Amino acid sequence: MNITMILDMTSSVDDRLVITAGRRSVTAAELAVLAGRAAHGVRSSSAVVYEGVNHLAYPVALFGAALAGIPFVPLNYRLSDTALATLEAKHPGATILRSEDLDRWIAELDDAPDAPLDDLGTDLTDPDAIAVIIYTSGTTSEPKAAVLRHRHLLAYVLNTLEFNSAEVGDAALVAVPPYHIAGLTNLMSNLYTGRRVVYASGFDAREWVDTVRSESVTHAMLVPTMLARVVEVLAAEAETLPSLASLAYGGARTPRAVIERALELLPDTGFVNAYGLTETASSIAVLGPDDHRTAIASDVPGIRARLGSVGRPLPGVEIEIRDESGAVLPPDTDGLVFVRGDQISGEYGNRSVLDPEGWFATKDLGRLDADGYLFIEGRADDTIIRGGENIAPAEIEDVLLEHPAVTEAAVIGVPDPDWGQRLVAVIVGEGDPEELRSWVRDRLRSSKTPDAVHFVGELPRTETGKLLRRNLITDLTEPTPELENNHA
């Protein structure tokens, strides 16, 4: 099977519009024609490398590459010319589509003659053929080429969604970048369920709100930094979004205060927190709308705490929490998150990192509660070792974010000759450093109290909201003596 079956199935239903990008909208049949013409144009290429913004060219290039039997490789167009050239060099003989090429390319396809797909000579029945290669964001190391085969992507769609289940008129606003796994699976999911995809070429919170209104958007997905900005706009202007039935968020940790405020401002919207990785072909666990509303209304600590979880595994996905020796841990015990299922790739280049039983080590720290809700505590690579004690930054960050003066918080470890690493809290907001340290000390033990507090205007993040801790560590390696903790 090939991901083009999604386009084939959608085209067979009716002539509803499926993509809106800028001033142009196309039906599934029109999209299929453009993809077929694109396939003939790229069939002698080794891959299609996409370096553009969200645009009609994105789905055309994706399905065109699939019809031609070659990989689709979306790259971060915001990278430097040198970085892009380095990645391009890994795909010699590829067709490269840059932002400035997209309008012209689509115009050429509009004028191109149709040709039988049989002429392509492509085997569309091989589920193990490579569909997409996505370079990981490289927040702690060099980007790796994550390989997703057709069977991985189809397993995610077919196991979790119902074909043509959307209402006529449903529309999904896609503002996440095209080089992110969420951009890819948002397209396939919405096509499969029958929603029109409305592309935003970039993100501005005010424009996003206006587009939801003007396009009668019913479904959308935001990363946490985007959601926080949308909440600010809605709160400042006392606006509602009556058409918005569902709002998904994910890609990084979302501050509790942001989601609580969003639930308050949009009481008729169903919120969905999705957790997944590039290597898992998108979401593997989801906290659904009912879970959100139940948690926010509950006085039971264990249930209310689920608002900070990423929900329960999707159908076909297994999750285990293990210790460093590989032993499976009981509920409510922190450990390493392992996942298994048909949608899990766990492959880089030609190298699989799945264990013999098919389990993938996410390198995330987390725990499962007794009812199977997954809580992600951060990356294992982010663990701070202070005086021999392993400390997860997320636990301290969550406490800091409860303080009214703190808008964003990051906790990092910097070298210390006595303790191995010292804790530095980097804060967006205002306040007294000693008050913030006392705030943490009163809620956690003293060994988890930041040794120093540093205020900044903003935290360094990727476009998808992931915190770039290595940037902070590089910038803040020098001690701040006036804020030292005496470790008493």
Protein backbone atom coordinates (compact mmCIF):
# COMPACT_ATOMS: atom_id res chain seq x y z
CA MET A 1 0.00 0.00 0.00
CA ASN A 2 1.03 3.56 -0.71
CA ILE A 3 -0.13 6.82 0.89
CA THR A 4 -1.64 7.80 -2.45
CA MET A 5 -4.54 5.49 -1.53
CA ILE A 6 -5.70 8.31 0.79
CA LEU A 7 -5.96 10.66 -2.18
CA ASP A 8 -7.62 7.95 -4.29
CA MET A 9 -10.24 7.24 -1.62
CA THR A 10 -10.95 10.93 -1.07
CA SER A 11 -11.28 11.55 -4.81
CA SER A 12 -13.85 8.76 -5.11
CA VAL A 13 -16.34 10.31 -2.68
CA ASP A 14 -17.48 13.67 -4.06
CA ASP A 15 -16.18 16.95 -5.43
CA ARG A 16 -15.86 18.85 -2.16
CA LEU A 17 -12.91 21.21 -1.76
CA VAL A 18 -10.00 19.65 0.12
CA ILE A 19 -7.23 22.28 0.08
CA THR A 20 -7.33 26.06 0.47
CA ALA A 21 -4.00 27.84 0.14
CA GLY A 22 -3.96 31.58 -0.33
CA ARG A 23 -6.70 32.50 -2.77
CA ARG A 24 -6.94 29.09 -4.37
CA SER A 25 -8.99 26.03 -3.41
CA VAL A 26 -8.95 22.63 -5.11
CA THR A 27 -11.01 19.45 -4.96
CA ALA A 28 -9.51 16.04 -4.34
CA ALA A 29 -9.84 15.24 -8.05
CA GLU A 30 -7.99 18.43 -8.97
CA LEU A 31 -5.29 17.68 -6.41
CA ALA A 32 -4.91 14.18 -7.87
CA VAL A 33 -4.45 15.63 -11.37
CA LEU A 34 -1.76 18.03 -10.18
CA ALA A 35 -0.01 15.24 -8.24
CA GLY A 36 -0.04 13.01 -11.31
CA ARG A 37 1.52 15.72 -13.45
CA ALA A 38 4.08 16.37 -10.73
CA ALA A 39 4.95 12.66 -10.62
CA HIS A 40 5.80 12.67 -14.32
CA GLY A 41 8.00 15.70 -13.78
CA VAL A 42 10.03 14.23 -10.92
CA ARG A 43 10.10 10.55 -11.88
CA SER A 44 13.80 10.64 -12.82
CA SER A 45 14.73 12.35 -9.53
CA SER A 46 16.08 10.58 -6.45
CA ALA A 47 13.72 12.48 -4.14
CA VAL A 48 11.61 15.61 -3.85
CA VAL A 49 13.20 18.03 -1.38
CA TYR A 50 10.68 20.61 -0.20
CA GLU A 51 12.10 23.82 1.28
CA GLY A 52 8.96 25.92 1.17
CA VAL A 53 6.22 27.31 3.39
CA ASN A 54 2.72 25.88 3.67
CA HIS A 55 1.39 26.10 0.12
CA LEU A 56 -0.68 24.13 -2.38
CA ALA A 57 2.65 22.83 -3.65
CA TYR A 58 3.13 20.87 -0.40
CA PRO A 59 0.41 18.22 -0.89
CA VAL A 60 1.07 18.19 -4.65
CA ALA A 61 4.75 17.46 -4.03
CA LEU A 62 4.05 14.86 -1.33
CA PHE A 63 1.63 12.82 -3.43
CA GLY A 64 3.59 13.45 -6.61
CA ALA A 65 6.68 11.94 -5.01
CA ALA A 66 4.65 8.98 -3.75
CA LEU A 67 3.22 8.33 -7.22
CA ALA A 68 6.73 8.50 -8.67
CA GLY A 69 8.00 6.05 -6.06
CA ILE A 70 10.57 8.40 -4.54
CA PRO A 71 10.93 9.87 -1.03
CA PHE A 72 9.49 13.24 -0.04
CA VAL A 73 11.96 15.24 2.08
CA PRO A 74 10.62 18.40 3.75
CA LEU A 75 13.39 20.64 5.09
CA ASN A 76 13.28 23.61 7.42
CA TYR A 77 13.35 26.57 5.04
CA ARG A 78 14.52 28.79 7.92
CA LEU A 79 17.89 27.04 8.12
CA SER A 80 20.96 28.88 6.92
CA ASP A 81 22.04 28.45 3.31
CA THR A 82 24.99 26.40 4.53
CA ALA A 83 22.82 24.09 6.62
CA LEU A 84 20.36 23.59 3.77
CA ALA A 85 23.18 22.89 1.33
CA THR A 86 24.55 20.24 3.71
CA LEU A 87 21.18 18.47 3.83
CA GLU A 88 20.61 18.84 0.09
CA ALA A 89 23.96 17.14 -0.51
CA LYS A 90 22.59 14.03 1.17
CA HIS A 91 20.07 13.73 -1.68
CA PRO A 92 22.01 14.03 -4.95
CA GLY A 93 19.76 14.05 -7.98
CA ALA A 94 16.74 15.35 -6.08
CA THR A 95 14.19 17.86 -7.31
CA ILE A 96 14.42 20.84 -4.94
CA LEU A 97 11.42 23.11 -4.38
CA ARG A 98 12.09 26.37 -2.55
CA SER A 99 9.54 28.96 -1.40
CA GLU A 100 10.32 31.25 -4.33
CA ASP A 101 9.71 28.35 -6.77
CA LEU A 102 6.27 27.25 -5.60
CA ASP A 103 3.92 29.60 -7.47
CA ARG A 104 5.80 29.06 -10.72
CA TRP A 105 5.90 25.28 -10.24
CA ILE A 106 2.14 25.06 -9.67
CA ALA A 107 1.50 27.30 -12.70
CA GLU A 108 3.62 24.96 -14.82
CA LEU A 109 1.65 21.96 -13.58
CA ASP A 110 -1.61 23.76 -14.38
CA ASP A 111 -0.47 24.02 -18.00
CA ALA A 112 1.12 20.57 -18.26
CA PRO A 113 -0.63 17.80 -20.21
CA ASP A 114 -2.00 14.76 -18.42
CA ALA A 115 -0.25 11.46 -18.91
CA PRO A 116 -1.25 7.95 -17.80
CA LEU A 117 0.07 7.02 -14.38
CA ASP A 118 0.87 3.58 -15.79
CA ASP A 119 3.67 5.27 -17.69
CA LEU A 120 5.46 5.93 -14.42
CA GLY A 121 6.23 2.24 -13.95
CA THR A 122 6.00 2.62 -10.19
CA ASP A 123 5.06 -0.14 -7.79
CA LEU A 124 2.44 1.43 -5.50
CA THR A 125 1.81 -1.84 -3.65
CA ASP A 126 5.06 -1.96 -1.67
CA PRO A 127 4.32 -0.85 1.92
CA ASP A 128 8.02 -0.92 2.77
CA ALA A 129 9.00 1.71 0.23
CA ILE A 130 10.24 4.94 1.80
CA ALA A 131 7.52 7.59 1.80
CA VAL A 132 9.09 10.45 3.74
CA ILE A 133 12.42 11.41 5.29
CA ILE A 134 12.23 14.03 8.02
CA TYR A 135 15.29 15.49 9.67
CA THR A 136 14.86 15.71 13.41
CA SER A 137 15.12 19.17 14.93
CA GLY A 138 18.52 18.54 16.46
CA THR A 139 17.85 20.35 19.76
CA THR A 140 20.66 18.41 21.48
CA SER A 141 22.65 16.99 18.56
CA GLU A 142 22.99 17.04 14.80
CA PRO A 143 19.74 16.34 12.91
CA LYS A 144 19.13 12.69 12.04
CA ALA A 145 17.24 11.45 8.99
CA ALA A 146 14.13 9.73 10.35
CA VAL A 147 12.69 7.34 7.78
CA LEU A 148 8.95 6.80 7.51
CA ARG A 149 7.76 4.08 5.18
CA HIS A 150 4.30 3.99 3.62
CA ARG A 151 3.13 1.34 6.09
CA HIS A 152 4.01 3.50 9.09
CA LEU A 153 2.00 6.48 7.89
CA LEU A 154 -0.95 4.38 6.78
CA ALA A 155 -1.00 2.51 10.10
CA TYR A 156 -1.41 5.83 11.92
CA VAL A 157 -4.24 6.98 9.67
CA LEU A 158 -6.10 3.68 9.31
CA ASN A 159 -5.84 2.63 12.96
CA THR A 160 -7.00 5.91 14.48
CA LEU A 161 -9.41 7.59 12.06
CA GLU A 162 -12.71 6.87 10.33
CA PHE A 163 -12.83 7.51 6.60
CA ASN A 164 -15.06 10.37 5.43
CA SER A 165 -16.32 10.92 8.97
CA ALA A 166 -16.21 14.73 8.86
CA GLU A 167 -19.29 16.87 8.42
CA VAL A 168 -19.74 18.68 5.13
CA GLY A 169 -18.18 22.10 5.59
CA ASP A 170 -15.63 21.04 8.19
CA ALA A 171 -12.31 22.82 7.77
CA ALA A 172 -8.95 22.35 9.47
CA LEU A 173 -6.51 25.24 9.81
CA VAL A 174 -2.90 24.08 9.48
CA ALA A 175 -0.34 26.57 10.77
CA VAL A 176 2.35 24.12 11.90
CA PRO A 177 5.40 24.15 9.61
CA PRO A 178 5.53 21.73 6.67
CA TYR A 179 8.83 20.18 7.72
CA HIS A 180 7.32 18.93 11.01
CA ILE A 181 5.67 15.52 11.34
CA ALA A 182 2.46 17.26 12.44
CA GLY A 183 2.30 19.13 9.15
CA LEU A 184 2.47 15.85 7.25
CA THR A 185 -0.05 13.90 9.32
CA ASN A 186 -2.45 16.85 9.58
CA LEU A 187 -2.69 16.79 5.80
CA MET A 188 -3.27 13.04 5.54
CA SER A 189 -5.65 12.87 8.50
CA ASN A 190 -7.86 15.68 7.29
CA LEU A 191 -7.97 14.39 3.73
CA TYR A 192 -8.92 10.94 4.99
CA THR A 193 -11.70 12.19 7.24
CA GLY A 194 -13.01 14.61 4.63
CA ARG A 195 -12.09 18.00 6.07
CA ARG A 196 -10.87 20.87 3.93
CA VAL A 197 -7.30 21.84 4.81
CA VAL A 198 -6.78 25.60 5.10
CA TYR A 199 -3.09 26.46 4.94
CA ALA A 200 -1.52 29.38 6.79
CA SER A 201 1.83 30.24 5.20
CA GLY A 202 3.09 31.53 8.55
CA PHE A 203 1.81 32.13 12.05
CA ASP A 204 0.53 35.34 13.57
CA ALA A 205 -1.94 34.98 16.44
CA ARG A 206 -4.18 37.82 15.31
CA GLU A 207 -4.26 36.51 11.73
CA TRP A 208 -4.88 32.98 13.00
CA VAL A 209 -7.96 34.12 14.94
CA ASP A 210 -9.19 36.08 11.93
CA THR A 211 -8.73 33.06 9.65
CA VAL A 212 -10.67 30.78 12.00
CA ARG A 213 -13.54 33.24 11.69
CA SER A 214 -13.33 33.98 7.94
CA GLU A 215 -12.90 30.33 6.89
CA SER A 216 -15.35 28.92 9.49
CA VAL A 217 -12.57 26.67 10.76
CA THR A 218 -13.81 23.73 12.83
CA HIS A 219 -10.51 22.00 13.64
CA ALA A 220 -6.99 23.26 14.27
CA MET A 221 -3.67 22.25 15.75
CA LEU A 222 -1.17 24.51 17.52
CA VAL A 223 2.15 24.05 19.26
CA PRO A 224 2.24 25.44 22.83
CA THR A 225 3.93 28.75 21.97
CA MET A 226 1.26 29.38 19.33
CA LEU A 227 -1.52 28.46 21.75
CA ALA A 228 -0.17 30.89 24.36
CA ARG A 229 -0.23 33.74 21.84
CA VAL A 230 -3.75 32.89 20.69
CA VAL A 231 -4.89 32.88 24.32
CA GLU A 232 -3.40 36.35 24.75
CA VAL A 233 -5.34 37.67 21.74
CA LEU A 234 -8.62 36.10 22.84
CA ALA A 235 -8.23 37.34 26.40
CA ALA A 236 -7.25 40.88 25.39
CA GLU A 237 -10.15 41.33 23.00
CA ALA A 238 -12.79 39.19 24.75
CA GLU A 239 -13.31 37.16 21.57
CA THR A 240 -14.77 33.71 21.05
CA LEU A 241 -14.45 31.28 18.16
CA PRO A 242 -17.91 29.75 17.74
CA SER A 243 -17.00 27.60 14.71
CA LEU A 244 -14.01 25.94 16.39
CA ALA A 245 -15.16 22.48 17.49
CA SER A 246 -11.73 20.97 18.18
CA LEU A 247 -8.31 22.39 19.03
CA ALA A 248 -5.33 20.06 19.29
CA TYR A 249 -2.04 21.07 20.83
CA GLY A 250 1.28 19.31 21.31
CA GLY A 251 4.87 19.13 20.16
CA ALA A 252 6.28 20.37 23.48
CA ARG A 253 5.25 20.81 27.10
CA THR A 254 2.28 23.15 27.54
CA PRO A 255 2.18 25.29 30.71
CA ARG A 256 -0.81 24.34 32.85
CA ALA A 257 -1.88 27.98 33.14
CA VAL A 258 -2.10 28.30 29.34
CA ILE A 259 -4.39 25.30 28.85
CA GLU A 260 -6.56 26.24 31.83
CA ARG A 261 -7.02 29.74 30.42
CA ALA A 262 -7.74 28.33 26.96
CA LEU A 263 -10.42 26.03 28.38
CA GLU A 264 -11.98 29.02 30.11
CA LEU A 265 -11.94 31.23 27.01
CA LEU A 266 -13.23 28.53 24.64
CA PRO A 267 -15.80 26.60 26.67
CA ASP A 268 -17.46 25.06 23.61
CA THR A 269 -14.24 23.82 21.99
CA GLY A 270 -13.01 20.28 22.49
CA PHE A 271 -9.31 20.25 23.42
CA VAL A 272 -6.96 17.45 22.42
CA ASN A 273 -3.40 17.05 23.71
CA ALA A 274 -1.40 14.82 21.37
CA TYR A 275 1.98 13.23 22.08
CA GLY A 276 4.19 11.70 19.45
CA LEU A 277 7.53 11.87 17.72
CA THR A 278 8.75 11.97 14.16
CA GLU A 279 9.93 8.39 14.56
CA THR A 280 6.43 7.25 15.61
CA ALA A 281 4.65 8.71 12.55
CA SER A 282 2.88 11.32 14.69
CA SER A 283 0.64 10.86 17.73
CA ILE A 284 0.83 7.75 19.88
CA ALA A 285 -1.15 9.04 22.88
CA VAL A 286 -4.05 11.48 23.15
CA LEU A 287 -5.83 13.31 25.95
CA GLY A 288 -9.29 13.90 24.54
CA PRO A 289 -11.95 16.59 25.10
CA ASP A 290 -13.85 14.69 27.79
CA ASP A 291 -10.63 14.08 29.72
CA HIS A 292 -9.86 17.81 29.64
CA ARG A 293 -13.24 18.91 30.93
CA THR A 294 -13.39 16.14 33.55
CA ALA A 295 -9.94 17.03 34.85
CA ILE A 296 -10.55 20.77 35.04
CA ALA A 297 -13.82 20.25 36.93
CA SER A 298 -12.56 17.61 39.37
CA ASP A 299 -11.55 18.11 42.99
CA VAL A 300 -9.86 14.71 43.06
CA PRO A 301 -6.09 15.35 42.83
CA GLY A 302 -5.33 12.29 40.71
CA ILE A 303 -8.01 13.15 38.16
CA ARG A 304 -7.22 16.85 38.04
CA ALA A 305 -3.56 16.01 37.53
CA ARG A 306 -4.47 14.35 34.22
CA LEU A 307 -4.70 17.80 32.67
CA GLY A 308 -0.91 17.63 32.75
CA SER A 309 -0.82 14.26 31.00
CA VAL A 310 -0.75 13.42 27.30
CA GLY A 311 -3.58 10.94 27.66
CA ARG A 312 -3.74 7.26 26.81
CA PRO A 313 -2.24 5.22 23.95
CA LEU A 314 -3.95 5.25 20.57
CA PRO A 315 -5.29 1.98 19.13
CA GLY A 316 -2.48 -0.28 18.01
CA VAL A 317 0.12 1.40 20.24
CA GLU A 318 1.68 -0.12 23.37
CA ILE A 319 3.58 1.94 25.94
CA GLU A 320 5.86 0.74 28.73
CA ILE A 321 7.90 2.58 31.35
CA ARG A 322 11.27 0.97 32.04
CA ASP A 323 14.24 1.56 34.28
CA GLU A 324 17.79 1.84 32.95
CA SER A 325 18.23 -1.94 33.12
CA GLY A 326 15.20 -2.47 30.87
CA ALA A 327 12.86 -3.76 33.58
CA VAL A 328 9.22 -2.67 33.24
CA LEU A 329 8.18 -0.38 36.09
CA PRO A 330 4.85 -0.35 37.95
CA PRO A 331 2.28 2.46 37.63
CA ASP A 332 3.15 5.91 38.96
CA THR A 333 6.89 5.25 38.72
CA ASP A 334 9.13 7.52 36.65
CA GLY A 335 11.27 5.91 34.02
CA LEU A 336 12.09 5.73 30.31
CA VAL A 337 9.22 5.65 27.80
CA PHE A 338 9.21 2.77 25.31
CA VAL A 339 6.59 2.33 22.56
CA ARG A 340 5.63 -0.37 20.08
CA GLY A 341 3.16 -0.60 17.21
CA ASP A 342 2.71 -0.78 13.45
CA GLN A 343 3.14 2.98 13.05
CA ILE A 344 6.46 3.04 14.89
CA SER A 345 9.42 3.43 12.55
CA GLY A 346 12.44 3.91 14.77
CA GLU A 347 14.66 4.04 11.70
CA TYR A 348 17.44 6.44 10.73
CA GLY A 349 18.89 6.11 7.26
CA ASN A 350 19.28 2.35 6.82
CA ARG A 351 19.63 1.71 10.55
CA SER A 352 16.76 0.53 12.75
CA VAL A 353 16.96 1.25 16.47
CA LEU A 354 14.01 -0.97 17.39
CA ASP A 355 14.87 -3.77 19.82
CA PRO A 356 14.28 -7.42 18.79
CA GLU A 357 10.70 -7.25 20.10
CA GLY A 358 9.94 -4.09 18.11
CA TRP A 359 10.12 -1.60 20.99
CA PHE A 360 11.37 1.94 20.38
CA ALA A 361 13.16 3.93 23.08
CA THR A 362 11.75 7.46 22.86
CA LYS A 363 14.42 8.86 25.20
CA ASP A 364 11.61 10.64 27.02
CA LEU A 365 11.13 10.34 30.76
CA GLY A 366 7.62 9.63 31.93
CA ARG A 367 5.19 7.56 33.95
CA LEU A 368 1.88 5.81 33.49
CA ASP A 369 -0.79 6.14 36.16
CA ALA A 370 -2.97 3.22 37.23
CA ASP A 371 -5.54 4.04 34.53
CA GLY A 372 -2.97 4.20 31.71
CA TYR A 373 -2.59 7.98 31.41
CA LEU A 374 0.90 8.93 30.28
CA PHE A 375 2.79 11.80 31.90
CA ILE A 376 5.91 13.06 30.09
CA GLU A 377 8.54 14.48 32.42
CA GLY A 378 11.05 15.64 29.80
CA ARG A 379 13.95 14.25 27.82
CA ALA A 380 16.36 11.80 29.39
CA ASP A 381 19.17 13.90 27.89
CA ASP A 382 17.93 16.88 29.92
CA THR A 383 18.39 15.13 33.27
CA ILE A 384 20.55 17.15 35.65
CA ILE A 385 22.90 15.22 37.96
CA ARG A 386 23.50 17.29 41.08
CA GLY A 387 25.46 15.77 43.92
CA GLY A 388 24.74 12.29 42.55
CA GLU A 389 20.98 12.90 42.39
CA ASN A 390 19.13 12.73 39.09
CA ILE A 391 16.83 15.73 38.72
CA ALA A 392 14.23 16.18 35.96
CA PRO A 393 14.01 19.88 35.01
CA ALA A 394 10.31 19.57 34.19
CA GLU A 395 9.36 19.02 37.83
CA ILE A 396 10.98 22.29 38.89
CA GLU A 397 9.68 24.14 35.82
CA ASP A 398 6.11 23.12 36.63
CA VAL A 399 6.45 24.53 40.14
CA LEU A 400 7.94 27.80 38.87
CA LEU A 401 5.11 28.19 36.35
CA GLU A 402 2.62 28.14 39.22
CA HIS A 403 4.08 31.44 40.46
CA PRO A 404 2.05 34.41 39.20
CA ALA A 405 5.17 36.34 38.17
CA VAL A 406 6.46 33.58 35.86
CA THR A 407 5.36 33.40 32.23
CA GLU A 408 7.87 30.80 31.02
CA ALA A 409 10.52 28.79 32.82
CA ALA A 410 13.45 26.58 31.93
CA VAL A 411 15.79 24.83 34.35
CA ILE A 412 19.23 23.77 33.17
CA GLY A 413 22.34 22.26 34.68
CA VAL A 414 25.65 24.06 34.38
CA PRO A 415 29.03 22.71 35.48
CA ASP A 416 29.91 23.04 39.17
CA PRO A 417 33.21 21.86 40.72
CA ASP A 418 31.59 20.71 43.98
CA TRP A 419 28.18 19.40 42.96
CA GLY A 420 28.86 18.24 39.39
CA GLN A 421 26.06 20.45 38.13
CA ARG A 422 24.24 23.41 39.61
CA LEU A 423 20.64 24.34 38.90
CA VAL A 424 19.91 27.55 37.04
CA ALA A 425 16.33 28.70 36.46
CA VAL A 426 15.86 30.87 33.38
CA ILE A 427 12.66 32.88 33.71
CA VAL A 428 10.49 34.95 31.39
CA GLY A 429 8.64 37.31 33.67
CA GLU A 430 9.37 39.50 36.64
CA GLY A 431 10.00 38.85 40.30
CA ASP A 432 12.49 38.56 43.09
CA PRO A 433 15.02 35.73 42.61
CA GLU A 434 15.06 34.81 46.28
CA GLU A 435 11.28 34.71 46.39
CA LEU A 436 11.23 32.32 43.44
CA ARG A 437 13.86 30.11 45.04
CA SER A 438 11.84 30.03 48.25
CA TRP A 439 8.72 29.22 46.22
CA VAL A 440 10.43 26.10 44.86
CA ARG A 441 12.03 25.16 48.20
CA ASP A 442 8.64 25.25 49.94
CA ARG A 443 7.15 22.85 47.39
CA LEU A 444 10.12 20.61 46.62
CA ARG A 445 13.09 19.56 48.70
CA SER A 446 16.06 21.89 48.98
CA SER A 447 18.23 19.89 46.58
CA LYS A 448 15.80 20.85 43.79
CA THR A 449 15.92 24.55 44.59
CA PRO A 450 17.61 26.57 41.81
CA ASP A 451 21.06 27.79 42.74
CA ALA A 452 20.55 30.81 40.52
CA VAL A 453 17.69 32.62 38.82
CA HIS A 454 18.24 34.45 35.55
CA PHE A 455 15.63 36.63 33.80
CA VAL A 456 15.40 36.85 30.01
CA GLY A 457 13.02 38.40 27.50
CA GLU A 458 12.29 35.09 25.80
CA LEU A 459 13.44 31.50 25.78
CA PRO A 460 15.15 30.07 22.70
CA ARG A 461 12.81 27.63 20.97
CA THR A 462 12.42 25.89 17.66
CA GLU A 463 9.55 27.00 15.42
CA THR A 464 7.55 24.08 16.81
CA GLY A 465 7.99 25.22 20.40
CA LYS A 466 10.74 22.89 21.61
CA LEU A 467 13.07 24.48 24.11
CA LEU A 468 16.68 24.77 22.95
CA ARG A 469 18.35 23.95 26.26
CA ARG A 470 21.79 23.70 24.73
CA ASN A 471 21.56 27.39 23.74
CA LEU A 472 20.79 28.34 27.33
CA ILE A 473 23.58 26.16 28.69
CA THR A 474 26.05 27.77 26.28
CA ASP A 475 24.94 31.27 27.30
CA LEU A 476 24.80 30.64 31.04
CA THR A 477 27.87 28.61 31.89
CA GLU A 478 29.32 31.29 34.17
CA PRO A 479 28.19 31.25 37.84
CA THR A 480 26.07 34.07 39.23
CA PRO A 481 27.62 34.53 42.72
CA GLU A 482 25.01 36.93 44.10
CA LEU A 483 22.31 34.28 43.62
CA GLU A 484 24.21 31.34 45.06
CA ASN A 485 22.34 28.82 47.23
CA ASN A 486 24.18 27.85 50.39
CA HIS A 487 22.64 24.35 50.07
CA ALA A 488 21.44 24.56 53.67
